[in-house]
Protein backbone atom coordinates (compact mmCIF):
# COMPACT_ATOMS: atom_id res chain seq x y z
CA MET A 1 94.40 101.56 77.30
CA ALA A 2 94.81 102.78 80.88
CA ARG A 3 98.27 102.62 82.38
CA THR A 4 99.00 100.77 85.62
CA ILE A 5 101.16 101.82 88.55
CA TYR A 6 102.26 99.85 91.60
CA ILE A 7 102.50 102.08 94.69
CA THR A 8 104.26 100.80 97.79
CA ASP A 9 103.08 101.90 101.24
CA ALA A 10 99.94 103.28 99.64
CA ALA A 11 98.23 103.87 102.99
CA ALA A 12 100.89 106.44 103.98
CA PRO A 13 100.16 110.12 103.17
CA LEU A 14 102.25 110.33 99.98
CA GLY A 15 101.20 106.91 98.70
CA ARG A 16 97.56 107.75 99.30
CA ALA A 17 97.85 111.16 97.60
CA CYS A 18 99.49 109.59 94.54
CA ALA A 19 96.96 106.74 94.37
CA VAL A 20 94.01 109.13 94.49
CA ARG A 21 95.50 111.63 92.03
CA LEU A 22 96.57 109.02 89.48
CA GLY A 23 93.44 106.90 89.95
CA ARG A 24 91.24 109.91 89.22
CA ALA A 25 93.36 110.56 86.12
CA GLY A 26 92.53 107.10 84.78
CA TRP A 27 95.44 104.97 85.99
CA ASN A 28 94.91 101.46 87.34
CA ILE A 29 96.31 101.36 90.88
CA VAL A 30 98.06 98.29 92.27
CA MET A 31 98.78 99.12 95.89
CA GLY A 32 100.51 97.52 98.80
CA ALA A 33 100.63 98.24 102.52
CA SER A 34 101.42 96.39 105.72
CA SER A 35 97.71 95.56 106.06
CA VAL A 36 94.87 95.50 103.53
CA ALA A 37 92.55 97.14 106.08
CA SER A 38 94.69 100.27 106.00
CA LEU A 39 94.01 100.58 102.25
CA LYS A 40 90.22 100.59 102.56
CA SER A 41 89.89 104.37 102.78
CA VAL A 42 92.13 104.77 99.71
CA CYS A 43 90.05 102.26 97.74
CA ASP A 44 86.86 104.09 98.75
CA GLU A 45 88.04 107.07 96.67
CA LEU A 46 88.77 105.01 93.54
CA PRO A 47 86.79 102.83 91.11
CA ASP A 48 86.69 99.18 92.24
CA ASN A 49 87.53 97.87 88.79
CA ALA A 50 90.75 99.91 88.66
CA THR A 51 92.27 99.01 92.03
CA LEU A 52 94.13 96.02 93.38
CA PRO A 53 94.93 96.34 97.12
CA ARG A 54 97.09 93.69 98.78
CA ARG A 55 99.31 93.23 101.80
CA ALA A 56 102.84 93.83 100.53
CA VAL A 57 105.84 95.16 102.43
CA PRO A 58 108.55 96.74 100.22
CA THR A 59 111.35 94.81 101.94
CA ASP A 60 109.74 91.40 101.28
CA LEU A 61 110.30 90.06 97.76
CA GLY A 62 108.03 87.13 98.54
CA ASN A 63 104.90 89.28 98.61
CA ILE A 64 105.90 91.95 96.07
CA LEU A 65 106.44 89.58 93.15
CA PRO A 66 103.02 87.88 93.40
CA LEU A 67 101.34 91.30 93.61
CA LEU A 68 103.13 92.54 90.48
CA GLU A 69 102.23 89.32 88.67
CA GLU A 70 98.60 89.63 89.72
CA GLY A 71 98.53 93.29 88.65
CA GLU A 72 100.00 92.46 85.25
CA ALA A 73 97.54 89.59 84.75
CA ARG A 74 94.58 91.79 85.69
CA PHE A 75 95.49 95.03 83.93
CA GLY A 76 97.82 93.88 81.14
CA SER A 77 101.05 95.56 82.23
CA ILE A 78 102.89 97.35 85.01
CA ASP A 79 103.83 100.71 83.49
CA ALA A 80 105.23 102.45 86.55
CA VAL A 81 106.33 101.75 90.11
CA LEU A 82 106.38 104.32 92.89
CA LEU A 83 108.67 103.29 95.72
CA ASN A 84 107.30 105.17 98.72
CA TYR A 85 108.60 103.72 101.98
CA ARG A 86 109.18 105.11 105.45
CA PRO A 87 110.14 102.36 107.90
CA ARG A 88 108.28 102.76 111.19
CA GLY A 89 109.42 101.82 114.64
CA GLY A 90 112.72 100.32 115.72
CA SER A 91 116.09 102.03 115.86
CA LYS A 92 117.19 104.80 113.51
CA ARG A 93 119.78 102.46 112.03
CA ARG A 94 117.09 99.89 111.24
CA ALA A 95 115.03 102.63 109.61
CA VAL A 96 117.96 103.54 107.30
CA ASP A 97 118.66 99.86 106.57
CA GLY A 98 114.98 99.32 105.74
CA GLN A 99 114.96 102.26 103.33
CA VAL A 100 118.08 100.97 101.56
CA HIS A 101 116.76 97.40 101.44
CA ALA A 102 113.43 98.56 99.96
CA VAL A 103 115.15 100.28 97.00
CA ALA A 104 117.09 97.10 96.22
CA VAL A 105 114.17 94.68 96.68
CA VAL A 106 111.49 96.67 94.86
CA GLY A 107 113.95 97.48 92.07
CA GLU A 108 114.76 93.79 91.61
CA ALA A 109 111.09 92.80 91.60
CA ALA A 110 109.96 95.59 89.26
CA ARG A 111 112.71 95.40 86.67
CA PRO A 112 111.31 92.66 84.39
CA PHE A 113 107.83 94.19 84.43
CA LEU A 114 109.10 97.67 83.62
CA ARG A 115 111.44 96.31 80.96
CA GLN A 116 108.48 94.77 79.18
CA SER A 117 106.38 97.94 79.36
CA GLU A 118 109.34 100.34 78.90
CA GLY A 119 108.07 101.89 82.08
CA HIS A 120 109.07 104.28 84.81
CA PHE A 121 110.59 103.59 88.25
CA VAL A 122 110.01 106.51 90.62
CA VAL A 123 111.66 106.72 94.02
CA ALA A 124 110.19 109.04 96.65
CA GLY A 125 113.22 110.56 98.34
CA ARG A 126 113.71 111.71 101.88
CA ARG A 127 114.06 115.13 103.44
CA GLY A 128 117.42 115.90 105.07
CA GLY A 129 117.36 116.48 108.80
CA PRO A 130 118.45 119.24 111.17
CA ARG A 131 121.81 119.27 112.96
CA SER A 132 121.05 116.68 115.58
CA LEU A 133 121.67 112.95 115.88
CA SER A 134 118.14 112.22 114.75
CA GLY A 135 118.44 114.73 111.93
CA ALA A 136 121.77 113.28 110.87
CA MET A 137 120.13 109.87 110.43
CA GLN A 138 117.44 111.48 108.25
CA THR A 139 120.20 112.98 106.10
CA VAL A 140 121.97 109.60 105.90
CA ALA A 141 118.74 108.02 104.67
CA ARG A 142 118.25 110.79 102.11
CA ASN A 143 121.79 110.41 100.75
CA ALA A 144 121.50 106.61 100.72
CA VAL A 145 118.37 106.78 98.58
CA ARG A 146 120.05 109.23 96.20
CA THR A 147 123.09 106.97 95.87
CA LEU A 148 121.00 103.86 95.32
CA SER A 149 118.92 105.63 92.67
CA ASP A 150 122.15 106.50 90.87
CA ALA A 151 123.33 102.90 91.21
CA LEU A 152 120.07 101.62 89.71
CA ALA A 153 120.49 104.03 86.80
CA GLN A 154 123.95 102.64 86.13
CA ASP A 155 122.90 98.99 86.55
CA TRP A 156 119.92 99.54 84.26
CA ALA A 157 121.82 101.60 81.69
CA ASP A 158 120.86 99.19 78.89
CA GLU A 159 117.23 98.93 79.99
CA PRO A 160 114.34 100.89 78.42
CA ILE A 161 113.30 102.02 81.89
CA GLN A 162 113.20 105.62 83.07
CA ILE A 163 114.31 106.22 86.65
CA SER A 164 113.38 109.34 88.63
CA LEU A 165 113.93 110.50 92.17
CA VAL A 166 111.32 112.88 93.58
CA GLU A 167 112.49 114.62 96.73
CA PRO A 168 110.66 116.98 99.09
CA ASP A 169 111.30 120.57 98.09
CA GLY A 170 111.04 123.13 100.86
CA LEU A 171 107.89 122.37 102.83
CA ASP A 172 106.33 119.99 100.28
CA GLY A 173 103.54 117.90 101.72
CA PRO A 174 101.96 114.79 100.19
CA LYS A 175 99.70 116.60 97.69
CA PRO A 176 102.43 118.79 96.11
CA MET A 177 104.70 115.74 95.95
CA ALA A 178 101.90 113.74 94.31
CA ARG A 179 101.51 116.51 91.70
CA ARG A 180 105.21 116.23 90.92
CA VAL A 181 105.03 112.44 90.62
CA ALA A 182 102.05 112.74 88.25
CA ARG A 183 103.88 115.40 86.27
CA ILE A 184 106.91 113.23 85.52
CA LEU A 185 104.76 110.16 84.81
CA ASN A 186 102.97 112.27 82.20
CA GLY A 187 106.27 113.03 80.51
CA ALA A 188 107.04 116.53 81.79
CA PRO A 189 110.77 117.28 81.83
CA PRO A 190 112.48 117.00 85.22
CA ARG A 191 113.76 120.13 86.90
CA ARG A 192 117.21 118.85 87.89
CA PRO A 193 118.68 116.18 85.57
CA VAL A 194 121.44 114.10 87.16
CA VAL A 195 122.73 111.13 85.17
CA GLY A 196 122.15 112.31 81.61
CA GLN A 197 118.64 111.22 80.70
CA ARG A 198 118.83 108.02 82.73
CA ARG A 199 117.65 109.44 86.04
CA ALA A 200 116.48 112.79 87.25
CA TYR A 201 115.50 114.65 90.35
CA ALA A 202 111.99 115.97 89.90
């Protein structure tokens, strides 16, 4: 049976690259974005019977839970979640807060589904910034996501859920990052283990 992944912000470059790569490999793709219209071009590259596009913002539990429930009802299970979120607009502080909030909200929503499927929670990390105020905020966001991924690993220590953090490496763009996400979802060993086998940088 085909596996199913929920991808947040699937209209963004990394979300789109992962949806297309995994969809072509036979995964069912449940995808969210701030508007369904923005997902049309992603859906055009995938089989209609294996996609479920809906409006879902990663910081809003009220629209994530129904999407996960609908995806499970349609495809049988939610086997993986890719948290890919880059807040747009507003102040840099709001962007960091949004990133942190998304990890907590999507983690809370996904946990029971991934527990049932013994699935995989993958967090797309951030690139650190240059030595400037703007760059410093990028680095704060990157470190916050790392810390929250570690916290999830500790909170979920008794869960049959694998947690991975995939961070940009050098000049990684969306397609190389998507290859790395696909690689760990297919069971390849991570390159930099962190908390025993509970979570890993990939």
